[in-house]
Amino acid sequence: DGLMRRDGTGAVVPGLAASYEYDPETYTYVFHLRDGVVWHDG
């Protein structure tokens, strides 16, 4: 998976990221990962 994904309309929405913020002054993204996501090895 990616931090973002496409939905059924083709729009890009949060994936592994639960949410994000963007600061246009510093061109900075902060991504908050979802709780409880684990790799296939646990």
PDB file of all heavy atoms in Angstrom:
ATOM      1  N   ASP A   1       0.849  -1.197   0.000  1.00  0.00           N
ATOM      2  CA  ASP A   1       0.000   0.000   0.000  1.00  0.00           C
ATOM      3  C   ASP A   1       0.882   1.243   0.000  1.00  0.00           C
ATOM      4  O   ASP A   1       2.046   1.196   0.402  1.00  0.00           O
ATOM      5  CB  ASP A   1      -0.869   0.065   1.268  1.00  0.00           C
ATOM      6  CG  ASP A   1      -1.864  -1.061   1.369  1.00  0.00           C
ATOM      7  OD1 ASP A   1      -2.662  -1.211   0.439  1.00  0.00           O
ATOM      8  OD2 ASP A   1      -1.829  -1.795   2.383  1.00  0.00           O
ATOM      9  N   GLY A   2       0.286   2.379  -0.409  1.00  0.00           N
ATOM     10  CA  GLY A   2       0.938   3.668  -0.285  1.00  0.00           C
ATOM     11  C   GLY A   2       0.315   4.480   0.836  1.00  0.00           C
ATOM     12  O   GLY A   2      -0.724   4.115   1.383  1.00  0.00           O
ATOM     13  N   LEU A   3       0.941   5.607   1.173  1.00  0.00           N
ATOM     14  CA  LEU A   3       0.338   6.498   2.162  1.00  0.00           C
ATOM     15  C   LEU A   3      -0.992   7.031   1.662  1.00  0.00           C
ATOM     16  O   LEU A   3      -1.900   7.304   2.449  1.00  0.00           O
ATOM     17  CB  LEU A   3       1.274   7.669   2.474  1.00  0.00           C
ATOM     18  CG  LEU A   3       2.557   7.375   3.250  1.00  0.00           C
ATOM     19  CD1 LEU A   3       3.212   8.671   3.688  1.00  0.00           C
ATOM     20  CD2 LEU A   3       2.303   6.471   4.440  1.00  0.00           C
ATOM     21  N   MET A   4      -1.115   7.172   0.336  1.00  0.00           N
ATOM     22  CA  MET A   4      -2.365   7.607  -0.283  1.00  0.00           C
ATOM     23  C   MET A   4      -2.858   6.481  -1.199  1.00  0.00           C
ATOM     24  O   MET A   4      -2.111   5.569  -1.553  1.00  0.00           O
ATOM     25  CB  MET A   4      -2.144   8.892  -1.085  1.00  0.00           C
ATOM     26  CG  MET A   4      -1.506  10.037  -0.310  1.00  0.00           C
ATOM     27  SD  MET A   4      -2.501  10.636   1.087  1.00  0.00           S
ATOM     28  CE  MET A   4      -3.827  11.488   0.214  1.00  0.00           C
ATOM     29  N   ARG A   5      -4.121   6.557  -1.594  1.00  0.00           N
ATOM     30  CA  ARG A   5      -4.714   5.587  -2.505  1.00  0.00           C
ATOM     31  C   ARG A   5      -5.773   6.292  -3.336  1.00  0.00           C
ATOM     32  O   ARG A   5      -6.123   7.439  -3.073  1.00  0.00           O
ATOM     33  CB  ARG A   5      -5.346   4.419  -1.735  1.00  0.00           C
ATOM     34  CG  ARG A   5      -6.537   4.822  -0.872  1.00  0.00           C
ATOM     35  CD  ARG A   5      -7.180   3.633  -0.178  1.00  0.00           C
ATOM     36  NE  ARG A   5      -8.318   4.039   0.625  1.00  0.00           N
ATOM     37  CZ  ARG A   5      -9.573   4.161   0.177  1.00  0.00           C
ATOM     38  NH1 ARG A   5      -9.839   3.912  -1.105  1.00  0.00           N
ATOM     39  NH2 ARG A   5     -10.548   4.548   0.973  1.00  0.00           N
ATOM     40  N   ARG A   6      -6.274   5.601  -4.353  1.00  0.00           N
ATOM     41  CA  ARG A   6      -7.392   6.125  -5.140  1.00  0.00           C
ATOM     42  C   ARG A   6      -8.693   5.530  -4.631  1.00  0.00           C
ATOM     43  O   ARG A   6      -8.748   4.376  -4.215  1.00  0.00           O
ATOM     44  CB  ARG A   6      -7.232   5.759  -6.614  1.00  0.00           C
ATOM     45  CG  ARG A   6      -6.140   6.504  -7.320  1.00  0.00           C
ATOM     46  CD  ARG A   6      -6.015   6.048  -8.759  1.00  0.00           C
ATOM     47  NE  ARG A   6      -7.129   6.488  -9.574  1.00  0.00           N
ATOM     48  CZ  ARG A   6      -7.328   6.089 -10.836  1.00  0.00           C
ATOM     49  NH1 ARG A   6      -6.499   5.252 -11.394  1.00  0.00           N
ATOM     50  NH2 ARG A   6      -8.352   6.526 -11.516  1.00  0.00           N
ATOM     51  N   ASP A   7      -9.773   6.324  -4.679  1.00  0.00           N
ATOM     52  CA  ASP A   7     -11.087   5.795  -4.324  1.00  0.00           C
ATOM     53  C   ASP A   7     -11.877   5.479  -5.590  1.00  0.00           C
ATOM     54  O   ASP A   7     -11.346   5.507  -6.699  1.00  0.00           O
ATOM     55  CB  ASP A   7     -11.841   6.757  -3.396  1.00  0.00           C
ATOM     56  CG  ASP A   7     -12.233   8.079  -4.074  1.00  0.00           C
ATOM     57  OD1 ASP A   7     -12.123   8.199  -5.320  1.00  0.00           O
ATOM     58  OD2 ASP A   7     -12.673   9.000  -3.356  1.00  0.00           O
ATOM     59  N   GLY A   8     -13.174   5.186  -5.426  1.00  0.00           N
ATOM     60  CA  GLY A   8     -13.998   4.768  -6.550  1.00  0.00           C
ATOM     61  C   GLY A   8     -14.330   5.858  -7.535  1.00  0.00           C
ATOM     62  O   GLY A   8     -14.878   5.575  -8.608  1.00  0.00           O
ATOM     63  N   THR A   9     -13.990   7.103  -7.212  1.00  0.00           N
ATOM     64  CA  THR A   9     -14.179   8.200  -8.171  1.00  0.00           C
ATOM     65  C   THR A   9     -12.875   8.541  -8.882  1.00  0.00           C
ATOM     66  O   THR A   9     -12.852   9.403  -9.754  1.00  0.00           O
ATOM     67  CB  THR A   9     -14.699   9.458  -7.463  1.00  0.00           C
ATOM     68  OG1 THR A   9     -13.664  10.002  -6.609  1.00  0.00           O
ATOM     69  CG2 THR A   9     -15.934   9.145  -6.627  1.00  0.00           C
ATOM     70  N   GLY A  10     -11.788   7.897  -8.480  1.00  0.00           N
ATOM     71  CA  GLY A  10     -10.475   8.222  -9.025  1.00  0.00           C
ATOM     72  C   GLY A  10      -9.737   9.261  -8.219  1.00  0.00           C
ATOM     73  O   GLY A  10      -8.590   9.588  -8.533  1.00  0.00           O
ATOM     74  N   ALA A  11     -10.371   9.802  -7.159  1.00  0.00           N
ATOM     75  CA  ALA A  11      -9.720  10.808  -6.324  1.00  0.00           C
ATOM     76  C   ALA A  11      -8.654  10.156  -5.451  1.00  0.00           C
ATOM     77  O   ALA A  11      -8.753   8.986  -5.075  1.00  0.00           O
ATOM     78  CB  ALA A  11     -10.750  11.510  -5.452  1.00  0.00           C
ATOM     79  N   VAL A  12      -7.628  10.939  -5.112  1.00  0.00           N
ATOM     80  CA  VAL A  12      -6.573  10.464  -4.230  1.00  0.00           C
ATOM     81  C   VAL A  12      -6.946  10.803  -2.788  1.00  0.00           C
ATOM     82  O   VAL A  12      -7.204  11.968  -2.451  1.00  0.00           O
ATOM     83  CB  VAL A  12      -5.221  11.092  -4.614  1.00  0.00           C
ATOM     84  CG1 VAL A  12      -4.135  10.714  -3.627  1.00  0.00           C
ATOM     85  CG2 VAL A  12      -4.825  10.639  -6.019  1.00  0.00           C
ATOM     86  N   VAL A  13      -6.999   9.786  -1.939  1.00  0.00           N
ATOM     87  CA  VAL A  13      -7.439   9.931  -0.552  1.00  0.00           C
ATOM     88  C   VAL A  13      -6.433   9.225   0.360  1.00  0.00           C
ATOM     89  O   VAL A  13      -5.609   8.439  -0.111  1.00  0.00           O
ATOM     90  CB  VAL A  13      -8.853   9.328  -0.356  1.00  0.00           C
ATOM     91  CG1 VAL A  13      -9.871  10.054  -1.240  1.00  0.00           C
ATOM     92  CG2 VAL A  13      -8.862   7.832  -0.668  1.00  0.00           C
ATOM     93  N   PRO A  14      -6.472   9.479   1.674  1.00  0.00           N
ATOM     94  CA  PRO A  14      -5.537   8.819   2.576  1.00  0.00           C
ATOM     95  C   PRO A  14      -5.619   7.298   2.513  1.00  0.00           C
ATOM     96  O   PRO A  14      -6.706   6.721   2.417  1.00  0.00           O
ATOM     97  CB  PRO A  14      -5.948   9.344   3.950  1.00  0.00           C
ATOM     98  CG  PRO A  14      -6.507  10.701   3.669  1.00  0.00           C
ATOM     99  CD  PRO A  14      -7.246  10.525   2.365  1.00  0.00           C
ATOM    100  N   GLY A  15      -4.455   6.647   2.556  1.00  0.00           N
ATOM    101  CA  GLY A  15      -4.352   5.195   2.560  1.00  0.00           C
ATOM    102  C   GLY A  15      -3.753   4.741   3.872  1.00  0.00           C
ATOM    103  O   GLY A  15      -4.420   4.710   4.895  1.00  0.00           O
ATOM    104  N   LEU A  16      -2.452   4.391   3.868  1.00  0.00           N
ATOM    105  CA  LEU A  16      -1.786   4.065   5.124  1.00  0.00           C
ATOM    106  C   LEU A  16      -1.713   5.270   6.045  1.00  0.00           C
ATOM    107  O   LEU A  16      -1.592   5.126   7.263  1.00  0.00           O
ATOM    108  CB  LEU A  16      -0.380   3.534   4.859  1.00  0.00           C
ATOM    109  CG  LEU A  16      -0.285   2.181   4.137  1.00  0.00           C
ATOM    110  CD1 LEU A  16       1.171   1.812   3.899  1.00  0.00           C
ATOM    111  CD2 LEU A  16      -1.007   1.098   4.915  1.00  0.00           C
ATOM    112  N   ALA A  17      -1.773   6.450   5.480  1.00  0.00           N
ATOM    113  CA  ALA A  17      -1.872   7.666   6.287  1.00  0.00           C
ATOM    114  C   ALA A  17      -3.332   7.863   6.685  1.00  0.00           C
ATOM    115  O   ALA A  17      -4.224   7.799   5.841  1.00  0.00           O
ATOM    116  CB  ALA A  17      -1.369   8.866   5.503  1.00  0.00           C
ATOM    117  N   ALA A  18      -3.564   8.114   7.973  1.00  0.00           N
ATOM    118  CA  ALA A  18      -4.919   8.431   8.424  1.00  0.00           C
ATOM    119  C   ALA A  18      -5.271   9.865   8.061  1.00  0.00           C
ATOM    120  O   ALA A  18      -6.426  10.182   7.748  1.00  0.00           O
ATOM    121  CB  ALA A  18      -5.038   8.225   9.931  1.00  0.00           C
ATOM    122  N   SER A  19      -4.252  10.738   8.048  1.00  0.00           N
ATOM    123  CA  SER A  19      -4.473  12.150   7.735  1.00  0.00           C
ATOM    124  C   SER A  19      -3.123  12.786   7.418  1.00  0.00           C
ATOM    125  O   SER A  19      -2.062  12.176   7.601  1.00  0.00           O
ATOM    126  CB  SER A  19      -5.133  12.873   8.907  1.00  0.00           C
ATOM    127  OG  SER A  19      -4.294  12.836  10.053  1.00  0.00           O
ATOM    128  N   TYR A  20      -3.173  14.025   6.954  1.00  0.00           N
ATOM    129  CA  TYR A  20      -1.943  14.756   6.663  1.00  0.00           C
ATOM    130  C   TYR A  20      -2.214  16.244   6.765  1.00  0.00           C
ATOM    131  O   TYR A  20      -3.373  16.696   6.708  1.00  0.00           O
ATOM    132  CB  TYR A  20      -1.409  14.418   5.263  1.00  0.00           C
ATOM    133  CG  TYR A  20      -2.329  14.862   4.145  1.00  0.00           C
ATOM    134  CD1 TYR A  20      -2.208  16.139   3.576  1.00  0.00           C
ATOM    135  CD2 TYR A  20      -3.330  14.032   3.676  1.00  0.00           C
ATOM    136  CE1 TYR A  20      -3.061  16.563   2.564  1.00  0.00           C
ATOM    137  CE2 TYR A  20      -4.189  14.446   2.673  1.00  0.00           C
ATOM    138  CZ  TYR A  20      -4.052  15.704   2.124  1.00  0.00           C
ATOM    139  OH  TYR A  20      -4.914  16.115   1.132  1.00  0.00           O
ATOM    140  N   GLU A  21      -1.150  17.022   6.957  1.00  0.00           N
ATOM    141  CA  GLU A  21      -1.231  18.487   6.884  1.00  0.00           C
ATOM    142  C   GLU A  21      -0.166  18.979   5.912  1.00  0.00           C
ATOM    143  O   GLU A  21       0.852  18.305   5.701  1.00  0.00           O
ATOM    144  CB  GLU A  21      -0.976  19.133   8.251  1.00  0.00           C
ATOM    145  CG  GLU A  21      -1.987  18.804   9.320  1.00  0.00           C
ATOM    146  CD  GLU A  21      -1.467  17.729  10.274  1.00  0.00           C
ATOM    147  OE1 GLU A  21      -0.253  17.725  10.584  1.00  0.00           O
ATOM    148  OE2 GLU A  21      -2.275  16.878  10.678  1.00  0.00           O
ATOM    149  N   TYR A  22      -0.416  20.160   5.341  1.00  0.00           N
ATOM    150  CA  TYR A  22       0.554  20.749   4.420  1.00  0.00           C
ATOM    151  C   TYR A  22       0.784  22.199   4.798  1.00  0.00           C
ATOM    152  O   TYR A  22      -0.163  22.965   5.007  1.00  0.00           O
ATOM    153  CB  TYR A  22       0.048  20.671   2.983  1.00  0.00           C
ATOM    154  CG  TYR A  22       0.960  21.362   1.980  1.00  0.00           C
ATOM    155  CD1 TYR A  22       2.250  20.886   1.761  1.00  0.00           C
ATOM    156  CD2 TYR A  22       0.538  22.485   1.277  1.00  0.00           C
ATOM    157  CE1 TYR A  22       3.101  21.502   0.860  1.00  0.00           C
ATOM    158  CE2 TYR A  22       1.384  23.104   0.359  1.00  0.00           C
ATOM    159  CZ  TYR A  22       2.662  22.616   0.157  1.00  0.00           C
ATOM    160  OH  TYR A  22       3.500  23.232  -0.732  1.00  0.00           O
ATOM    161  N   ASP A  23       2.041  22.595   4.898  1.00  0.00           N
ATOM    162  CA  ASP A  23       2.430  23.979   5.168  1.00  0.00           C
ATOM    163  C   ASP A  23       2.956  24.587   3.869  1.00  0.00           C
ATOM    164  O   ASP A  23       4.058  24.260   3.434  1.00  0.00           O
ATOM    165  CB  ASP A  23       3.511  24.019   6.243  1.00  0.00           C
ATOM    166  CG  ASP A  23       3.991  25.439   6.537  1.00  0.00           C
ATOM    167  OD1 ASP A  23       3.439  26.399   5.946  1.00  0.00           O
ATOM    168  OD2 ASP A  23       4.935  25.594   7.327  1.00  0.00           O
ATOM    169  N   PRO A  24       2.173  25.473   3.239  1.00  0.00           N
ATOM    170  CA  PRO A  24       2.600  26.036   1.947  1.00  0.00           C
ATOM    171  C   PRO A  24       3.791  26.984   2.056  1.00  0.00           C
ATOM    172  O   PRO A  24       4.425  27.289   1.040  1.00  0.00           O
ATOM    173  CB  PRO A  24       1.345  26.769   1.461  1.00  0.00           C
ATOM    174  CG  PRO A  24       0.582  27.098   2.708  1.00  0.00           C
ATOM    175  CD  PRO A  24       0.847  25.971   3.650  1.00  0.00           C
ATOM    176  N   GLU A  25       4.083  27.466   3.256  1.00  0.00           N
ATOM    177  CA  GLU A  25       5.217  28.373   3.415  1.00  0.00           C
ATOM    178  C   GLU A  25       6.548  27.625   3.328  1.00  0.00           C
ATOM    179  O   GLU A  25       7.535  28.153   2.812  1.00  0.00           O
ATOM    180  CB  GLU A  25       5.118  29.094   4.771  1.00  0.00           C
ATOM    181  CG  GLU A  25       3.883  29.967   4.913  1.00  0.00           C
ATOM    182  CD  GLU A  25       3.858  31.093   3.897  1.00  0.00           C
ATOM    183  OE1 GLU A  25       4.934  31.684   3.619  1.00  0.00           O
ATOM    184  OE2 GLU A  25       2.766  31.392   3.372  1.00  0.00           O
ATOM    185  N   THR A  26       6.560  26.395   3.840  1.00  0.00           N
ATOM    186  CA  THR A  26       7.813  25.623   3.857  1.00  0.00           C
ATOM    187  C   THR A  26       7.750  24.392   2.957  1.00  0.00           C
ATOM    188  O   THR A  26       8.690  23.597   2.939  1.00  0.00           O
ATOM    189  CB  THR A  26       8.143  25.173   5.289  1.00  0.00           C
ATOM    190  OG1 THR A  26       7.073  24.337   5.768  1.00  0.00           O
ATOM    191  CG2 THR A  26       8.298  26.366   6.207  1.00  0.00           C
ATOM    192  N   TYR A  27       6.647  24.239   2.210  1.00  0.00           N
ATOM    193  CA  TYR A  27       6.448  23.101   1.304  1.00  0.00           C
ATOM    194  C   TYR A  27       6.601  21.779   2.076  1.00  0.00           C
ATOM    195  O   TYR A  27       7.252  20.834   1.601  1.00  0.00           O
ATOM    196  CB  TYR A  27       7.426  23.114   0.126  1.00  0.00           C
ATOM    197  CG  TYR A  27       7.730  24.483  -0.428  1.00  0.00           C
ATOM    198  CD1 TYR A  27       9.046  24.903  -0.619  1.00  0.00           C
ATOM    199  CD2 TYR A  27       6.705  25.361  -0.760  1.00  0.00           C
ATOM    200  CE1 TYR A  27       9.333  26.150  -1.133  1.00  0.00           C
ATOM    201  CE2 TYR A  27       6.984  26.630  -1.269  1.00  0.00           C
ATOM    202  CZ  TYR A  27       8.297  27.021  -1.443  1.00  0.00           C
ATOM    203  OH  TYR A  27       8.580  28.259  -1.941  1.00  0.00           O
ATOM    204  N   THR A  28       5.967  21.698   3.237  1.00  0.00           N
ATOM    205  CA  THR A  28       6.155  20.565   4.131  1.00  0.00           C
ATOM    206  C   THR A  28       4.849  19.810   4.358  1.00  0.00           C
ATOM    207  O   THR A  28       3.819  20.416   4.673  1.00  0.00           O
ATOM    208  CB  THR A  28       6.708  21.028   5.491  1.00  0.00           C
ATOM    209  OG1 THR A  28       7.975  21.651   5.281  1.00  0.00           O
ATOM    210  CG2 THR A  28       6.869  19.851   6.449  1.00  0.00           C
ATOM    211  N   TYR A  29       4.921  18.494   4.197  1.00  0.00           N
ATOM    212  CA  TYR A  29       3.805  17.605   4.500  1.00  0.00           C
ATOM    213  C   TYR A  29       4.119  16.857   5.801  1.00  0.00           C
ATOM    214  O   TYR A  29       5.257  16.411   6.013  1.00  0.00           O
ATOM    215  CB  TYR A  29       3.598  16.571   3.394  1.00  0.00           C
ATOM    216  CG  TYR A  29       3.028  17.131   2.117  1.00  0.00           C
ATOM    217  CD1 TYR A  29       3.871  17.654   1.138  1.00  0.00           C
ATOM    218  CD2 TYR A  29       1.657  17.118   1.875  1.00  0.00           C
ATOM    219  CE1 TYR A  29       3.352  18.164  -0.047  1.00  0.00           C
ATOM    220  CE2 TYR A  29       1.132  17.616   0.693  1.00  0.00           C
ATOM    221  CZ  TYR A  29       1.984  18.140  -0.261  1.00  0.00           C
ATOM    222  OH  TYR A  29       1.467  18.634  -1.425  1.00  0.00           O
ATOM    223  N   VAL A  30       3.101  16.691   6.627  1.00  0.00           N
ATOM    224  CA  VAL A  30       3.202  15.826   7.797  1.00  0.00           C
ATOM    225  C   VAL A  30       2.121  14.763   7.669  1.00  0.00           C
ATOM    226  O   VAL A  30       0.926  15.089   7.588  1.00  0.00           O
ATOM    227  CB  VAL A  30       3.038  16.608   9.112  1.00  0.00           C
ATOM    228  CG1 VAL A  30       3.043  15.645  10.308  1.00  0.00           C
ATOM    229  CG2 VAL A  30       4.149  17.644   9.264  1.00  0.00           C
ATOM    230  N   PHE A  31       2.536  13.495   7.613  1.00  0.00           N
ATOM    231  CA  PHE A  31       1.608  12.381   7.477  1.00  0.00           C
ATOM    232  C   PHE A  31       1.510  11.643   8.810  1.00  0.00           C
ATOM    233  O   PHE A  31       2.526  11.338   9.445  1.00  0.00           O
ATOM    234  CB  PHE A  31       2.091  11.410   6.397  1.00  0.00           C
ATOM    235  CG  PHE A  31       2.037  11.957   5.006  1.00  0.00           C
ATOM    236  CD1 PHE A  31       3.159  12.564   4.449  1.00  0.00           C
ATOM    237  CD2 PHE A  31       0.871  11.868   4.245  1.00  0.00           C
ATOM    238  CE1 PHE A  31       3.121  13.078   3.157  1.00  0.00           C
ATOM    239  CE2 PHE A  31       0.829  12.387   2.954  1.00  0.00           C
ATOM    240  CZ  PHE A  31       1.958  12.985   2.408  1.00  0.00           C
ATOM    241  N   HIS A  32       0.267  11.358   9.218  1.00  0.00           N
ATOM    242  CA  HIS A  32      -0.003  10.611  10.433  1.00  0.00           C
ATOM    243  C   HIS A  32      -0.456   9.206  10.032  1.00  0.00           C
ATOM    244  O   HIS A  32      -1.497   9.042   9.384  1.00  0.00           O
ATOM    245  CB  HIS A  32      -1.086  11.302  11.263  1.00  0.00           C
ATOM    246  CG  HIS A  32      -0.746  12.727  11.610  1.00  0.00           C
ATOM    247  ND1 HIS A  32       0.056  13.056  12.681  1.00  0.00           N
ATOM    248  CD2 HIS A  32      -1.078  13.898  10.998  1.00  0.00           C
ATOM    249  CE1 HIS A  32       0.203  14.380  12.731  1.00  0.00           C
ATOM    250  NE2 HIS A  32      -0.473  14.916  11.718  1.00  0.00           N
ATOM    251  N   LEU A  33       0.328   8.200  10.413  1.00  0.00           N
ATOM    252  CA  LEU A  33       0.019   6.825  10.029  1.00  0.00           C
ATOM    253  C   LEU A  33      -1.168   6.291  10.824  1.00  0.00           C
ATOM    254  O   LEU A  33      -1.411   6.688  11.965  1.00  0.00           O
ATOM    255  CB  LEU A  33       1.234   5.930  10.252  1.00  0.00           C
ATOM    256  CG  LEU A  33       2.536   6.356   9.552  1.00  0.00           C
ATOM    257  CD1 LEU A  33       3.607   5.302   9.773  1.00  0.00           C
ATOM    258  CD2 LEU A  33       2.305   6.585   8.068  1.00  0.00           C
ATOM    259  N   ARG A  34      -1.888   5.380  10.209  1.00  0.00           N
ATOM    260  CA  ARG A  34      -3.042   4.765  10.863  1.00  0.00           C
ATOM    261  C   ARG A  34      -2.604   3.898  12.046  1.00  0.00           C
ATOM    262  O   ARG A  34      -1.560   3.260  12.008  1.00  0.00           O
ATOM    263  CB  ARG A  34      -3.814   3.890   9.867  1.00  0.00           C
ATOM    264  CG  ARG A  34      -4.497   4.670   8.773  1.00  0.00           C
ATOM    265  CD  ARG A  34      -5.319   3.771   7.885  1.00  0.00           C
ATOM    266  NE  ARG A  34      -5.867   4.547   6.787  1.00  0.00           N
ATOM    267  CZ  ARG A  34      -7.007   5.247   6.849  1.00  0.00           C
ATOM    268  NH1 ARG A  34      -7.720   5.226   7.962  1.00  0.00           N
ATOM    269  NH2 ARG A  34      -7.423   5.940   5.806  1.00  0.00           N
ATOM    270  N   ASP A  35      -3.451   3.858  13.055  1.00  0.00           N
ATOM    271  CA  ASP A  35      -3.226   2.946  14.174  1.00  0.00           C
ATOM    272  C   ASP A  35      -3.433   1.506  13.723  1.00  0.00           C
ATOM    273  O   ASP A  35      -4.325   1.214  12.916  1.00  0.00           O
ATOM    274  CB  ASP A  35      -4.217   3.238  15.317  1.00  0.00           C
ATOM    275  CG  ASP A  35      -3.917   4.547  16.025  1.00  0.00           C
ATOM    276  OD1 ASP A  35      -2.741   4.952  16.046  1.00  0.00           O
ATOM    277  OD2 ASP A  35      -4.864   5.161  16.552  1.00  0.00           O
ATOM    278  N   GLY A  36      -2.635   0.611  14.234  1.00  0.00           N
ATOM    279  CA  GLY A  36      -2.906  -0.816  14.090  1.00  0.00           C
ATOM    280  C   GLY A  36      -2.522  -1.442  12.771  1.00  0.00           C
ATOM    281  O   GLY A  36      -2.790  -2.628  12.564  1.00  0.00           O
ATOM    282  N   VAL A  37      -1.893  -0.706  11.851  1.00  0.00           N
ATOM    283  CA  VAL A  37      -1.474  -1.304  10.579  1.00  0.00           C
ATOM    284  C   VAL A  37      -0.215  -2.130  10.825  1.00  0.00           C
ATOM    285  O   VAL A  37       0.765  -1.651  11.413  1.00  0.00           O
ATOM    286  CB  VAL A  37      -1.202  -0.244   9.509  1.00  0.00           C
ATOM    287  CG1 VAL A  37      -0.701  -0.907   8.220  1.00  0.00           C
ATOM    288  CG2 VAL A  37      -2.463   0.563   9.226  1.00  0.00           C
ATOM    289  N   VAL A  38      -0.238  -3.376  10.374  1.00  0.00           N
ATOM    290  CA  VAL A  38       0.921  -4.255  10.553  1.00  0.00           C
ATOM    291  C   VAL A  38       1.337  -4.846   9.217  1.00  0.00           C
ATOM    292  O   VAL A  38       0.532  -4.993   8.297  1.00  0.00           O
ATOM    293  CB  VAL A  38       0.618  -5.397  11.552  1.00  0.00           C
ATOM    294  CG1 VAL A  38       0.336  -4.834  12.932  1.00  0.00           C
ATOM    295  CG2 VAL A  38      -0.533  -6.276  11.074  1.00  0.00           C
ATOM    296  N   TRP A  39       2.627  -5.187   9.122  1.00  0.00           N
ATOM    297  CA  TRP A  39       3.143  -5.889   7.967  1.00  0.00           C
ATOM    298  C   TRP A  39       2.660  -7.328   7.988  1.00  0.00           C
ATOM    299  O   TRP A  39       2.166  -7.812   9.017  1.00  0.00           O
ATOM    300  CB  TRP A  39       4.679  -5.837   7.954  1.00  0.00           C
ATOM    301  CG  TRP A  39       5.199  -4.444   7.779  1.00  0.00           C
ATOM    302  CD1 TRP A  39       5.593  -3.587   8.758  1.00  0.00           C
ATOM    303  CD2 TRP A  39       5.347  -3.737   6.542  1.00  0.00           C
ATOM    304  NE1 TRP A  39       5.982  -2.385   8.216  1.00  0.00           N
ATOM    305  CE2 TRP A  39       5.838  -2.448   6.857  1.00  0.00           C
ATOM    306  CE3 TRP A  39       5.115  -4.065   5.207  1.00  0.00           C
ATOM    307  CZ2 TRP A  39       6.108  -1.496   5.884  1.00  0.00           C
ATOM    308  CZ3 TRP A  39       5.385  -3.115   4.234  1.00  0.00           C
ATOM    309  CH2 TRP A  39       5.874  -1.853   4.566  1.00  0.00           C
ATOM    310  N   HIS A  40       2.786  -7.998   6.882  1.00  0.00           N
ATOM    311  CA  HIS A  40       2.317  -9.387   6.804  1.00  0.00           C
ATOM    312  C   HIS A  40       3.026 -10.303   7.798  1.00  0.00           C
ATOM    313  O   HIS A  40       2.513 -11.375   8.125  1.00  0.00           O
ATOM    314  CB  HIS A  40       2.504  -9.928   5.373  1.00  0.00           C
ATOM    315  CG  HIS A  40       1.654  -9.226   4.362  1.00  0.00           C
ATOM    316  ND1 HIS A  40       2.001  -9.156   3.031  1.00  0.00           N
ATOM    317  CD2 HIS A  40       0.484  -8.552   4.481  1.00  0.00           C
ATOM    318  CE1 HIS A  40       1.080  -8.471   2.371  1.00  0.00           C
ATOM    319  NE2 HIS A  40       0.147  -8.094   3.218  1.00  0.00           N
ATOM    320  N   ASP A  41       4.195  -9.886   8.282  1.00  0.00           N
ATOM    321  CA  ASP A  41       4.902 -10.689   9.294  1.00  0.00           C
ATOM    322  C   ASP A  41       4.525 -10.291  10.722  1.00  0.00           C
ATOM    323  O   ASP A  41       5.108 -10.780  11.688  1.00  0.00           O
ATOM    324  CB  ASP A  41       6.413 -10.614   9.106  1.00  0.00           C
ATOM    325  CG  ASP A  41       6.976  -9.199   9.293  1.00  0.00           C
ATOM    326  OD1 ASP A  41       6.195  -8.271   9.612  1.00  0.00           O
ATOM    327  OD2 ASP A  41       8.199  -9.024   9.122  1.00  0.00           O
ATOM    328  N   GLY A  42       3.552  -9.381  10.855  1.00  0.00           N
ATOM    329  CA  GLY A  42       3.052  -8.992  12.172  1.00  0.00           C
ATOM    330  C   GLY A  42       3.725  -7.785  12.782  1.00  0.00           C
ATOM    331  O   GLY A  42       3.248  -7.262  13.806  1.00  0.00           O
TER     332      GLY A  42
END
